[in-house]
Amino acid sequence: MKQRKIPFEHFFIVSHLVRWTLLAIPVSLTVGSLVALFLWLLERVTDTRIGNPWLLFLLPLAGVAIHFLYRYSGKNAEAGNNLIMDEIHKPGGGVPARMAPLVIVTTLLTHLFGGSAGREGTAVQVGGSMANFFAARFRLPPRDTRMLLMTGMAAGFGAVFGTPVTGAIFALEVPALGRIKHDALLPCLMASVLADIVCGAWGIHHTHYSILFKDVATGFFSVFHFDLLMLVRVVAAGAVFGFGGLLFAETSHVIKDYSNRWIKVKWLIPVIGGLLIILLTGILGTKDYLGLGVTAKDPHAVTIVSCFHKGGATGFSWLWKLLFTAITLGTGFKGGEVTPLFFIGAALGNTFAGLTGAPADLMAGLGFIAVFAGATNTPLACTMMGIELFGADNVLYYAVACFTAYYFSGHTGIYNTQRVSVPKIDGLSLPANGTLHEVRQKRIVSRRAWFDNRGTGLKK
């Protein structure tokens, strides 16, 4: 490739930024508006479901509808976020524009009939599909298409949660473990900020969370500018949150893998998943684990918001939400994983606070971001999310919890096509720049070989 002489470097820097600003504007305006429409519709269908509890019994039929919508209209769009990340790494067939309307409609169907799912996956897929649409219209080369896909992801994430800086970092951090390419840094930030502004301009308001805990070092440990004993508890909590993220990711993958392996008639998979959700709801006698779970009209319900208060969750609320969501998404229903991960983390943090005497609001907030960090392998983005959502007073604890959870979640995660550029620890035999799916398959083979060898040794 012929190299250009650069007598005035900053001239090219300015022209680069102007060009990417012009490219990011249409993506951000479109994604911000579509996310606003999606969030407005999501609120409407959630109110409808709460007002008509009988809709839950139609969840299996909704699953069949979703299955056939993707079978006859979706094609490769069913891969969702994994398709977008694959295109970032190796541009190929592209991300179809039909992904946006399909994922919006099917996510709304999932929530209308009581499936436990989130909204981030929908927003990110809208962002990726719209970015690819504009990349094709502008006839961008593969490298620029890759960057525009990342700006679309940033725009969707920043708009859906009202966290623009987090959205930018998430889009840069999530494609590969251990490596961030900064070439898309400013485009992602511009897109995320603008999309959040556009979403807010349409009148969309995000849930407010607050942590009242203020860190004060006392006694012998007052020499530190933080509470050392609290820091120890946060490290322990971070490890627990990491295992929580790992458990969610593995449970979701196992349910999806075995459903496809054992059930030959594919439209029966969401039917069985829907029936399991109905059965679990009846056994538990509560609808707290359906839908998003952010807030509820019942003041006694377990929600993300209630988990920030002492006694706001039961000891197993986190586990029930994990199962409801893993069944919903693992059997073919649509939506994101992140908001349920917030619920799982906040409830797990509330339980940890009850067992250790730590402040409930702090531990719920740490679980909120750290389980997400462990399940998505994005500790930097999640630390920034803590600052944007809860304020910067406890930023040290945010970082410690997220970084610890990142390590303790191992080489697993909710996105199968996420690459392992730099392993979390040395000494592991991992596929070079392999995907998490490849790592997981190798781990399964290794475990089977270990058990086979152990069994052979016992027979001898």
Protein backbone atom coordinates (compact mmCIF):
# COMPACT_ATOMS: atom_id res chain seq x y z
CA MET A 1 0.00 0.00 0.00
CA LYS A 2 1.40 3.36 -1.02
CA GLN A 3 2.15 5.57 1.97
CA ARG A 4 1.30 9.27 1.92
CA LYS A 5 3.80 11.82 3.03
CA ILE A 6 2.57 13.72 6.08
CA PRO A 7 4.14 17.17 6.23
CA PHE A 8 1.36 18.42 8.51
CA GLU A 9 0.03 15.56 10.63
CA HIS A 10 -2.72 17.56 12.27
CA PHE A 11 -4.29 18.43 8.93
CA PHE A 12 -4.99 14.73 8.41
CA ILE A 13 -6.17 14.35 12.00
CA VAL A 14 -8.74 17.12 11.53
CA SER A 15 -9.89 15.75 8.17
CA HIS A 16 -10.21 12.27 9.74
CA LEU A 17 -12.36 13.60 12.58
CA VAL A 18 -14.55 15.66 10.24
CA ARG A 19 -15.11 12.63 8.02
CA TRP A 20 -16.04 10.36 10.92
CA THR A 21 -18.28 13.00 12.43
CA LEU A 22 -20.21 13.13 9.16
CA LEU A 23 -20.39 9.32 9.09
CA ALA A 24 -21.45 9.03 12.74
CA ILE A 25 -24.26 11.61 12.53
CA PRO A 26 -26.74 9.62 10.37
CA VAL A 27 -26.01 6.42 12.31
CA SER A 28 -26.56 8.16 15.66
CA LEU A 29 -29.74 9.96 14.60
CA THR A 30 -31.26 6.75 13.25
CA VAL A 31 -30.17 4.49 16.10
CA GLY A 32 -31.11 7.01 18.80
CA SER A 33 -34.58 7.39 17.30
CA LEU A 34 -35.14 3.65 16.85
CA VAL A 35 -33.96 2.92 20.40
CA ALA A 36 -36.33 5.61 21.71
CA LEU A 37 -39.21 4.00 19.79
CA PHE A 38 -38.23 0.57 21.10
CA LEU A 39 -38.05 1.74 24.73
CA TRP A 40 -41.42 3.50 24.44
CA LEU A 41 -43.03 0.38 22.96
CA LEU A 42 -41.33 -1.80 25.58
CA GLU A 43 -42.90 0.25 28.36
CA ARG A 44 -46.30 -0.10 26.70
CA VAL A 45 -46.10 -3.90 26.30
CA THR A 46 -44.80 -4.30 29.86
CA ASP A 47 -47.79 -2.36 31.21
CA THR A 48 -50.07 -4.49 29.05
CA ARG A 49 -48.57 -7.72 30.39
CA ILE A 50 -48.83 -6.57 34.01
CA GLY A 51 -52.45 -5.55 33.47
CA ASN A 52 -53.30 -8.87 31.78
CA PRO A 53 -51.56 -11.71 33.68
CA TRP A 54 -53.24 -14.33 31.46
CA LEU A 55 -50.91 -13.32 28.60
CA LEU A 56 -48.19 -15.45 30.22
CA PHE A 57 -50.06 -18.60 29.14
CA LEU A 58 -49.58 -17.58 25.50
CA LEU A 59 -45.78 -17.43 25.85
CA PRO A 60 -45.24 -20.81 24.10
CA LEU A 61 -47.27 -19.57 21.08
CA ALA A 62 -45.23 -16.36 21.03
CA GLY A 63 -42.10 -18.52 20.92
CA VAL A 64 -43.41 -20.38 17.88
CA ALA A 65 -44.14 -17.06 16.15
CA ILE A 66 -40.61 -15.84 16.89
CA HIS A 67 -39.12 -19.10 15.59
CA PHE A 68 -40.92 -18.87 12.24
CA LEU A 69 -40.26 -15.15 11.87
CA TYR A 70 -36.54 -15.81 11.97
CA ARG A 71 -36.77 -19.02 9.97
CA TYR A 72 -38.47 -17.37 6.99
CA SER A 73 -37.26 -13.76 7.31
CA GLY A 74 -34.23 -13.67 9.58
CA LYS A 75 -31.64 -15.94 7.94
CA ASN A 76 -28.25 -14.96 9.43
CA ALA A 77 -29.88 -12.17 11.50
CA GLU A 78 -30.69 -14.78 14.17
CA ALA A 79 -27.01 -14.75 15.23
CA GLY A 80 -27.62 -11.29 16.72
CA ASN A 81 -24.72 -9.66 18.55
CA ASN A 82 -22.44 -12.56 17.63
CA LEU A 83 -22.92 -11.77 13.93
CA ILE A 84 -21.95 -8.13 14.51
CA MET A 85 -18.76 -9.11 16.33
CA ASP A 86 -17.92 -11.64 13.63
CA GLU A 87 -18.24 -8.87 11.03
CA ILE A 88 -15.99 -6.61 13.10
CA HIS A 89 -13.28 -9.27 13.10
CA LYS A 90 -13.77 -10.62 9.58
CA PRO A 91 -16.04 -8.55 7.31
CA GLY A 92 -17.99 -10.93 5.11
CA GLY A 93 -21.69 -11.17 4.38
CA GLY A 94 -22.56 -8.07 6.37
CA VAL A 95 -25.22 -7.40 8.98
CA PRO A 96 -28.65 -7.34 7.31
CA ALA A 97 -30.84 -4.27 7.74
CA ARG A 98 -33.79 -6.56 8.49
CA MET A 99 -32.12 -7.39 11.81
CA ALA A 100 -33.37 -4.11 13.32
CA PRO A 101 -37.14 -4.52 12.78
CA LEU A 102 -36.97 -8.26 13.46
CA VAL A 103 -35.23 -7.96 16.81
CA ILE A 104 -37.48 -5.08 17.90
CA VAL A 105 -40.68 -7.00 17.07
CA THR A 106 -39.51 -10.30 18.57
CA THR A 107 -38.17 -8.67 21.74
CA LEU A 108 -41.50 -6.94 22.23
CA LEU A 109 -43.29 -10.28 21.76
CA THR A 110 -41.01 -11.89 24.35
CA HIS A 111 -41.78 -9.16 26.92
CA LEU A 112 -45.49 -8.93 26.11
CA PHE A 113 -46.01 -12.58 26.99
CA GLY A 114 -43.74 -12.71 30.04
CA GLY A 115 -40.32 -13.88 28.88
CA SER A 116 -37.40 -12.86 31.07
CA ALA A 117 -35.08 -10.84 28.84
CA GLY A 118 -33.37 -7.48 28.55
CA ARG A 119 -33.06 -4.70 26.02
CA GLU A 120 -29.32 -4.17 25.40
CA GLY A 121 -29.12 -6.95 22.82
CA THR A 122 -31.92 -5.35 20.85
CA ALA A 123 -30.35 -1.88 20.95
CA VAL A 124 -26.89 -3.14 19.95
CA GLN A 125 -28.35 -5.17 17.08
CA VAL A 126 -30.29 -2.12 15.90
CA GLY A 127 -27.05 -0.15 16.04
CA GLY A 128 -25.07 -2.75 14.14
CA SER A 129 -27.65 -3.29 11.41
CA MET A 130 -28.13 0.43 10.82
CA ALA A 131 -24.37 1.01 10.77
CA ASN A 132 -23.95 -1.72 8.16
CA PHE A 133 -26.80 -0.21 6.15
CA PHE A 134 -25.07 3.17 5.98
CA ALA A 135 -21.68 1.55 5.34
CA ALA A 136 -23.15 -0.13 2.26
CA ARG A 137 -24.78 3.12 1.07
CA PHE A 138 -21.52 5.04 1.52
CA ARG A 139 -19.54 2.21 -0.15
CA LEU A 140 -17.06 2.06 2.71
CA PRO A 141 -14.08 -0.30 2.54
CA PRO A 142 -13.87 -3.21 5.05
CA ARG A 143 -11.72 -1.34 7.59
CA ASP A 144 -14.14 1.62 7.70
CA THR A 145 -17.13 -0.73 7.79
CA ARG A 146 -15.61 -2.37 10.88
CA MET A 147 -15.26 1.01 12.58
CA LEU A 148 -18.79 2.06 11.65
CA LEU A 149 -20.17 -1.20 13.09
CA MET A 150 -18.45 -0.33 16.36
CA THR A 151 -19.97 3.17 16.30
CA GLY A 152 -23.38 1.56 15.79
CA MET A 153 -22.86 -0.71 18.80
CA ALA A 154 -21.75 2.28 20.88
CA ALA A 155 -24.78 4.31 19.78
CA GLY A 156 -27.22 1.52 20.67
CA PHE A 157 -25.68 0.79 24.06
CA GLY A 158 -25.25 4.44 25.05
CA ALA A 159 -28.83 5.30 24.10
CA VAL A 160 -30.58 2.33 25.71
CA PHE A 161 -29.02 2.86 29.15
CA GLY A 162 -28.30 6.60 29.08
CA THR A 163 -24.57 5.91 29.60
CA PRO A 164 -22.76 7.43 26.60
CA VAL A 165 -19.16 7.07 27.84
CA THR A 166 -19.83 3.45 28.82
CA GLY A 167 -21.36 2.82 25.40
CA ALA A 168 -18.19 4.00 23.67
CA ILE A 169 -15.87 1.94 25.88
CA PHE A 170 -18.11 -1.13 25.62
CA ALA A 171 -17.99 -1.07 21.81
CA LEU A 172 -14.19 -0.85 21.91
CA GLU A 173 -13.70 -3.46 24.64
CA VAL A 174 -16.23 -6.19 23.88
CA PRO A 175 -14.93 -7.57 20.53
CA ALA A 176 -11.78 -9.08 22.05
CA LEU A 177 -10.54 -9.99 25.52
CA GLY A 178 -7.39 -8.19 26.57
CA ARG A 179 -7.00 -5.84 23.62
CA ILE A 180 -8.61 -2.52 22.73
CA LYS A 181 -8.03 -0.90 19.34
CA HIS A 182 -8.23 2.86 19.73
CA ASP A 183 -8.74 3.71 16.05
CA ALA A 184 -12.51 3.90 16.62
CA LEU A 185 -12.24 5.76 19.94
CA LEU A 186 -13.60 9.17 18.95
CA PRO A 187 -16.18 7.88 16.41
CA CYS A 188 -17.62 5.57 19.08
CA LEU A 189 -17.76 8.36 21.65
CA MET A 190 -19.38 10.80 19.23
CA ALA A 191 -21.96 8.23 18.16
CA SER A 192 -22.80 7.16 21.70
CA VAL A 193 -23.18 10.71 23.00
CA LEU A 194 -25.28 11.86 20.05
CA ALA A 195 -27.52 8.78 20.12
CA ASP A 196 -28.13 9.31 23.85
CA ILE A 197 -29.04 12.96 23.20
CA VAL A 198 -31.43 11.96 20.41
CA CYS A 199 -33.05 9.27 22.58
CA GLY A 200 -33.53 11.79 25.39
CA ALA A 201 -34.92 14.37 22.98
CA TRP A 202 -37.75 11.96 22.19
CA GLY A 203 -38.75 12.10 25.87
CA ILE A 204 -37.22 8.82 27.04
CA HIS A 205 -36.16 8.81 30.71
CA HIS A 206 -33.91 6.22 32.30
CA THR A 207 -34.22 4.68 35.77
CA HIS A 208 -32.29 6.54 38.47
CA TYR A 209 -30.16 4.50 40.86
CA SER A 210 -28.34 5.83 43.89
CA ILE A 211 -25.77 4.56 46.37
CA LEU A 212 -25.93 6.52 49.61
CA PHE A 213 -22.91 4.79 51.13
CA LYS A 214 -19.96 7.13 51.70
CA ASP A 215 -16.54 5.64 52.29
CA VAL A 216 -14.93 6.71 55.57
CA ALA A 217 -11.74 5.10 56.89
CA THR A 218 -11.72 4.90 60.69
CA GLY A 219 -9.60 3.56 63.54
CA PHE A 220 -6.27 1.93 62.89
CA PHE A 221 -6.87 1.93 59.13
CA SER A 222 -7.51 5.69 58.89
CA VAL A 223 -4.05 6.01 57.35
CA PHE A 224 -5.62 4.76 54.11
CA HIS A 225 -7.91 6.95 52.03
CA PHE A 226 -10.42 4.09 51.92
CA ASP A 227 -11.86 1.51 54.30
CA LEU A 228 -9.43 -1.42 54.10
CA LEU A 229 -11.86 -3.90 55.64
CA MET A 230 -14.52 -2.83 53.16
CA LEU A 231 -12.02 -3.32 50.34
CA VAL A 232 -11.43 -6.90 51.48
CA ARG A 233 -15.18 -7.52 51.40
CA VAL A 234 -15.38 -5.99 47.92
CA VAL A 235 -12.64 -8.33 46.66
CA ALA A 236 -14.56 -11.32 48.04
CA ALA A 237 -17.78 -10.00 46.54
CA GLY A 238 -16.04 -9.49 43.17
CA ALA A 239 -15.04 -13.16 43.12
CA VAL A 240 -18.64 -14.15 43.87
CA PHE A 241 -19.93 -11.84 41.14
CA GLY A 242 -17.45 -13.33 38.67
CA PHE A 243 -18.76 -16.82 39.40
CA GLY A 244 -22.29 -15.44 38.99
CA GLY A 245 -21.45 -14.15 35.50
CA LEU A 246 -19.82 -17.48 34.62
CA LEU A 247 -22.83 -19.45 35.88
CA PHE A 248 -25.24 -17.36 33.83
CA ALA A 249 -23.20 -17.65 30.63
CA GLU A 250 -22.65 -21.40 30.99
CA THR A 251 -26.27 -22.11 31.92
CA SER A 252 -27.51 -20.19 28.88
CA HIS A 253 -25.09 -22.00 26.55
CA VAL A 254 -25.90 -25.43 28.00
CA ILE A 255 -29.66 -24.91 27.66
CA LYS A 256 -29.27 -23.74 24.07
CA ASP A 257 -26.84 -26.51 23.10
CA TYR A 258 -28.81 -29.39 24.61
CA SER A 259 -32.15 -28.04 23.38
CA ASN A 260 -30.87 -28.05 19.80
CA ARG A 261 -29.23 -31.45 20.25
CA TRP A 262 -32.14 -33.29 21.86
CA ILE A 263 -35.20 -31.61 20.34
CA LYS A 264 -35.36 -32.39 16.62
CA VAL A 265 -38.54 -30.39 15.90
CA LYS A 266 -37.09 -26.92 16.32
CA TRP A 267 -40.31 -24.98 16.87
CA LEU A 268 -40.92 -27.15 19.94
CA ILE A 269 -37.86 -25.64 21.65
CA PRO A 270 -39.52 -22.27 22.45
CA VAL A 271 -42.76 -24.11 23.31
CA ILE A 272 -40.95 -26.14 25.97
CA GLY A 273 -39.09 -23.03 27.14
CA GLY A 274 -42.35 -21.12 27.48
CA LEU A 275 -43.98 -23.98 29.39
CA LEU A 276 -41.01 -24.11 31.79
CA ILE A 277 -41.36 -20.37 32.49
CA ILE A 278 -45.07 -20.83 33.20
CA LEU A 279 -44.34 -23.82 35.45
CA LEU A 280 -41.62 -22.02 37.43
CA THR A 281 -43.87 -18.97 37.86
CA GLY A 282 -46.62 -21.18 39.26
CA ILE A 283 -44.27 -23.05 41.60
CA LEU A 284 -42.75 -19.84 43.01
CA GLY A 285 -46.10 -18.07 43.17
CA THR A 286 -44.66 -14.78 41.93
CA LYS A 287 -44.23 -12.89 38.65
CA ASP A 288 -41.18 -10.98 39.93
CA TYR A 289 -38.83 -12.78 37.54
CA LEU A 290 -40.72 -12.06 34.33
CA GLY A 291 -39.82 -9.24 31.96
CA LEU A 292 -37.11 -6.69 32.71
CA GLY A 293 -37.45 -6.61 36.49
CA VAL A 294 -36.29 -2.99 36.83
CA THR A 295 -39.32 -1.73 38.75
CA ALA A 296 -42.78 -3.04 39.65
CA LYS A 297 -46.12 -1.62 40.76
CA ASP A 298 -46.18 -4.02 43.71
CA PRO A 299 -44.07 -2.39 46.47
CA HIS A 300 -43.19 -5.84 47.84
CA ALA A 301 -41.89 -7.22 44.53
CA VAL A 302 -38.24 -8.06 44.06
CA THR A 303 -36.79 -5.69 41.45
CA ILE A 304 -33.44 -4.15 40.61
CA VAL A 305 -34.47 -1.00 42.47
CA SER A 306 -35.63 -2.93 45.55
CA CYS A 307 -32.26 -4.71 45.75
CA PHE A 308 -30.61 -1.41 46.69
CA HIS A 309 -32.46 -1.56 50.03
CA LYS A 310 -31.89 -3.92 52.94
CA GLY A 311 -34.13 -6.97 52.62
CA GLY A 312 -35.07 -6.02 49.05
CA ALA A 313 -34.36 -9.52 47.74
CA THR A 314 -34.64 -13.07 48.97
CA GLY A 315 -31.57 -15.25 49.32
CA PHE A 316 -32.23 -16.98 45.98
CA SER A 317 -33.72 -14.11 43.95
CA TRP A 318 -30.54 -13.93 41.89
CA LEU A 319 -30.69 -17.65 41.07
CA TRP A 320 -34.34 -17.56 40.03
CA LYS A 321 -33.74 -14.62 37.71
CA LEU A 322 -30.72 -16.42 36.27
CA LEU A 323 -32.81 -19.53 35.52
CA PHE A 324 -35.75 -17.61 34.09
CA THR A 325 -33.48 -15.64 31.76
CA ALA A 326 -31.29 -18.57 30.72
CA ILE A 327 -34.39 -20.59 29.82
CA THR A 328 -35.98 -17.68 27.95
CA LEU A 329 -32.95 -16.81 25.83
CA GLY A 330 -31.58 -20.35 25.60
CA THR A 331 -34.80 -21.64 24.02
CA GLY A 332 -35.01 -19.03 21.28
CA PHE A 333 -36.80 -16.00 22.68
CA LYS A 334 -35.26 -12.62 21.93
CA GLY A 335 -33.96 -9.69 23.97
CA GLY A 336 -30.77 -8.79 25.75
CA GLU A 337 -28.92 -10.36 28.62
CA VAL A 338 -27.61 -7.22 30.29
CA THR A 339 -30.66 -5.96 32.22
CA PRO A 340 -31.26 -9.47 33.65
CA LEU A 341 -27.55 -9.51 34.55
CA PHE A 342 -28.13 -6.22 36.41
CA PHE A 343 -30.97 -7.91 38.30
CA ILE A 344 -28.90 -11.03 39.05
CA GLY A 345 -25.97 -8.92 40.22
CA ALA A 346 -28.01 -6.52 42.35
CA ALA A 347 -29.89 -9.40 44.00
CA LEU A 348 -26.66 -11.33 44.58
CA GLY A 349 -25.08 -8.20 46.05
CA ASN A 350 -28.08 -7.74 48.33
CA THR A 351 -27.70 -11.33 49.54
CA PHE A 352 -23.94 -10.89 50.05
CA ALA A 353 -24.61 -7.72 52.06
CA GLY A 354 -27.04 -9.59 54.30
CA LEU A 355 -24.48 -12.32 54.97
CA THR A 356 -21.50 -10.03 55.61
CA GLY A 357 -23.09 -6.92 57.12
CA ALA A 358 -21.92 -4.73 54.25
CA PRO A 359 -24.12 -1.83 53.05
CA ALA A 360 -26.92 -3.19 50.85
CA ASP A 361 -26.89 -0.28 48.40
CA LEU A 362 -23.14 -0.51 47.80
CA MET A 363 -23.13 -4.28 47.31
CA ALA A 364 -26.20 -4.16 45.07
CA GLY A 365 -24.52 -1.50 42.94
CA LEU A 366 -21.29 -3.48 42.77
CA GLY A 367 -23.16 -6.64 41.80
CA PHE A 368 -25.12 -4.65 39.22
CA ILE A 369 -21.95 -3.76 37.28
CA ALA A 370 -19.60 -6.61 38.25
CA VAL A 371 -21.75 -9.58 37.18
CA PHE A 372 -22.15 -7.77 33.88
CA ALA A 373 -18.38 -7.29 33.72
CA GLY A 374 -17.78 -10.99 34.32
CA ALA A 375 -20.36 -12.19 31.79
CA THR A 376 -19.26 -9.81 29.02
CA ASN A 377 -15.52 -9.52 29.82
CA THR A 378 -15.72 -5.72 29.80
CA PRO A 379 -14.33 -4.53 33.19
CA LEU A 380 -13.37 -1.02 32.00
CA ALA A 381 -16.79 -0.30 30.50
CA CYS A 382 -18.54 -1.60 33.62
CA THR A 383 -16.37 0.51 35.93
CA MET A 384 -17.34 3.56 33.88
CA MET A 385 -20.98 2.48 34.03
CA GLY A 386 -20.76 2.57 37.83
CA ILE A 387 -19.54 6.17 37.64
CA GLU A 388 -22.23 7.23 35.17
CA LEU A 389 -25.07 5.54 37.05
CA PHE A 390 -24.06 5.85 40.71
CA GLY A 391 -21.56 8.72 40.86
CA ALA A 392 -17.79 8.64 41.37
CA ASP A 393 -17.63 8.52 45.19
CA ASN A 394 -16.95 4.76 45.28
CA VAL A 395 -14.99 4.40 42.05
CA LEU A 396 -12.22 2.36 43.73
CA TYR A 397 -14.75 -0.26 44.79
CA TYR A 398 -16.32 -0.28 41.31
CA ALA A 399 -12.94 -1.00 39.73
CA VAL A 400 -11.93 -3.65 42.26
CA ALA A 401 -15.26 -5.48 41.96
CA CYS A 402 -15.34 -5.37 38.14
CA PHE A 403 -11.69 -6.32 37.66
CA THR A 404 -11.96 -9.19 40.15
CA ALA A 405 -15.18 -10.44 38.55
CA TYR A 406 -13.50 -10.28 35.13
CA TYR A 407 -10.79 -12.71 36.26
CA PHE A 408 -13.04 -15.05 38.22
CA SER A 409 -15.50 -15.47 35.33
CA GLY A 410 -12.74 -17.31 33.46
CA HIS A 411 -12.60 -17.58 29.70
CA THR A 412 -16.33 -17.70 29.22
CA GLY A 413 -19.02 -15.14 28.40
CA ILE A 414 -22.41 -14.52 26.86
CA TYR A 415 -20.98 -13.65 23.42
CA ASN A 416 -19.67 -16.78 21.67
CA THR A 417 -17.79 -14.89 18.94
CA GLN A 418 -15.83 -12.72 21.37
CA ARG A 419 -12.12 -13.32 20.68
CA VAL A 420 -9.40 -14.08 23.22
CA SER A 421 -6.61 -11.76 22.08
CA VAL A 422 -4.75 -11.81 25.40
CA PRO A 423 -5.63 -14.61 27.90
CA LYS A 424 -6.53 -13.53 31.41
CA ILE A 425 -3.69 -15.59 32.84
CA ASP A 426 -0.61 -17.22 31.32
CA GLY A 427 -0.06 -20.94 31.12
CA LEU A 428 -3.40 -21.94 29.59
CA SER A 429 -3.45 -23.78 26.29
CA LEU A 430 -6.03 -21.70 24.40
CA PRO A 431 -6.67 -21.47 20.65
CA ALA A 432 -4.64 -18.59 19.20
CA ASN A 433 -7.01 -15.62 18.90
CA GLY A 434 -9.83 -18.13 19.22
CA THR A 435 -13.45 -17.33 19.98
CA LEU A 436 -15.04 -18.08 23.34
CA HIS A 437 -17.03 -20.80 21.57
CA GLU A 438 -13.80 -22.49 20.48
CA VAL A 439 -12.35 -22.13 23.97
CA ARG A 440 -15.50 -23.63 25.47
CA GLN A 441 -15.47 -26.59 23.07
CA LYS A 442 -11.82 -27.28 23.85
CA ARG A 443 -12.57 -27.12 27.58
CA ILE A 444 -15.42 -29.63 27.17
CA VAL A 445 -13.17 -32.03 25.23
CA SER A 446 -10.42 -31.69 27.86
CA ARG A 447 -12.84 -32.43 30.70
CA ARG A 448 -14.20 -35.49 28.93
CA ALA A 449 -10.68 -36.74 28.33
CA TRP A 450 -9.82 -36.19 32.00
CA PHE A 451 -12.87 -38.13 33.19
CA ASP A 452 -12.21 -40.92 30.66
CA ASN A 453 -8.62 -41.23 31.84
CA ARG A 454 -9.71 -41.16 35.46
CA GLY A 455 -12.27 -43.86 34.77
CA THR A 456 -9.68 -46.00 33.01
CA GLY A 457 -7.32 -45.58 35.97
CA LEU A 458 -10.01 -46.62 38.43
CA LYS A 459 -10.77 -49.77 36.43
CA LYS A 460 -7.12 -50.73 36.51
